[in-house]
Amino acid sequence: MLESALDKLAERILSFDETSLSSLWEKYKVRMERFEPSKEWEKAVIVFFIIKAIRAKNYIFNEQILRQPETSPGKKQQKKKPDLRLVK
């Protein structure tokens, strides 16, 4: 049950736009820095780190995409010659 709830939460979070969330980053950063023992402060910390998590996820995703070799459908991949030797 908990895993299912977290999965649904992650699905909703993934639908958020990073640009829109980034505009809220400073607000929640300031709110988090002003500690007070309240539910509002706790929620601000969670929201701040959700925004950070999305930024980190997108950074890692983009870095991995850039590292992949370009394999667009219009381009032929160069075939590497097999490592063969003539055996007599």
Protein backbone atom coordinates (compact mmCIF):
# COMPACT_ATOMS: atom_id res chain seq x y z
CA MET A 1 0.00 0.00 0.00
CA LEU A 2 2.77 2.45 0.91
CA GLU A 3 4.73 1.56 -2.22
CA SER A 4 1.66 2.10 -4.37
CA ALA A 5 1.02 5.50 -2.79
CA LEU A 6 4.65 6.53 -3.36
CA ASP A 7 4.46 5.35 -6.97
CA LYS A 8 1.36 7.46 -7.59
CA LEU A 9 3.00 10.44 -5.89
CA ALA A 10 6.10 10.06 -8.08
CA GLU A 11 3.90 9.88 -11.18
CA ARG A 12 2.22 13.17 -10.24
CA ILE A 13 5.53 14.83 -9.44
CA LEU A 14 6.95 13.76 -12.80
CA SER A 15 4.10 15.58 -14.52
CA PHE A 16 5.20 18.91 -13.02
CA ASP A 17 7.12 21.33 -15.21
CA GLU A 18 10.64 22.08 -13.95
CA THR A 19 10.47 25.69 -15.09
CA SER A 20 7.30 26.34 -13.11
CA LEU A 21 8.72 24.59 -10.06
CA SER A 22 12.00 26.49 -10.29
CA SER A 23 10.10 29.75 -9.96
CA LEU A 24 8.95 28.51 -6.52
CA TRP A 25 12.41 27.34 -5.42
CA GLU A 26 13.44 30.61 -3.73
CA LYS A 27 10.13 30.91 -1.86
CA TYR A 28 10.45 27.45 -0.33
CA LYS A 29 14.18 27.86 0.31
CA VAL A 30 13.53 30.99 2.38
CA ARG A 31 10.60 29.32 4.14
CA MET A 32 12.70 26.27 4.97
CA GLU A 33 15.55 28.41 6.33
CA ARG A 34 13.21 30.05 8.84
CA PHE A 35 12.73 27.07 11.13
CA GLU A 36 9.67 26.76 13.27
CA PRO A 37 8.23 23.56 14.69
CA SER A 38 5.12 23.47 12.51
CA LYS A 39 3.50 21.38 9.80
CA GLU A 40 3.85 24.31 7.39
CA TRP A 41 7.62 24.35 7.88
CA GLU A 42 7.76 20.56 7.38
CA LYS A 43 5.75 20.83 4.16
CA ALA A 44 8.02 23.63 2.91
CA VAL A 45 11.06 21.38 3.42
CA ILE A 46 9.38 18.55 1.49
CA VAL A 47 8.38 20.86 -1.38
CA PHE A 48 11.89 22.35 -1.52
CA PHE A 49 13.47 18.92 -1.83
CA ILE A 50 10.91 17.76 -4.39
CA ILE A 51 11.96 20.71 -6.54
CA LYS A 52 15.63 19.83 -5.96
CA ALA A 53 14.91 16.18 -6.83
CA ILE A 54 13.27 17.11 -10.14
CA ARG A 55 16.19 19.37 -11.02
CA ALA A 56 18.67 16.60 -10.18
CA LYS A 57 16.68 14.02 -12.13
CA ASN A 58 16.56 16.25 -15.20
CA TYR A 59 20.27 17.02 -14.96
CA ILE A 60 21.17 13.32 -14.78
CA PHE A 61 18.73 12.48 -17.56
CA ASN A 62 20.15 15.15 -19.88
CA GLU A 63 23.74 14.13 -19.14
CA GLN A 64 22.96 10.51 -20.00
CA ILE A 65 21.20 11.49 -23.23
CA LEU A 66 24.21 13.57 -24.29
CA ARG A 67 26.56 10.64 -23.64
CA GLN A 68 24.65 8.26 -25.90
CA PRO A 69 25.89 7.88 -29.46
CA GLU A 70 23.73 9.59 -32.04
CA THR A 71 21.48 6.99 -33.66
CA SER A 72 18.85 8.90 -35.55
CA PRO A 73 16.77 6.88 -38.05
CA GLY A 74 18.00 8.96 -41.02
CA LYS A 75 21.66 8.17 -40.39
CA LYS A 76 23.29 4.84 -40.98
CA GLN A 77 25.45 3.54 -38.21
CA GLN A 78 28.96 2.83 -39.26
CA LYS A 79 29.64 -0.85 -39.16
CA LYS A 80 32.74 -1.79 -37.34
CA LYS A 81 34.87 -4.41 -39.03
CA PRO A 82 34.88 -7.64 -37.07
CA ASP A 83 38.12 -8.64 -35.40
CA LEU A 84 39.02 -11.54 -37.69
CA ARG A 85 42.35 -13.12 -38.53
CA LEU A 86 43.20 -15.37 -41.43
CA VAL A 87 44.00 -18.81 -40.10
CA LYS A 88 45.87 -21.27 -42.36
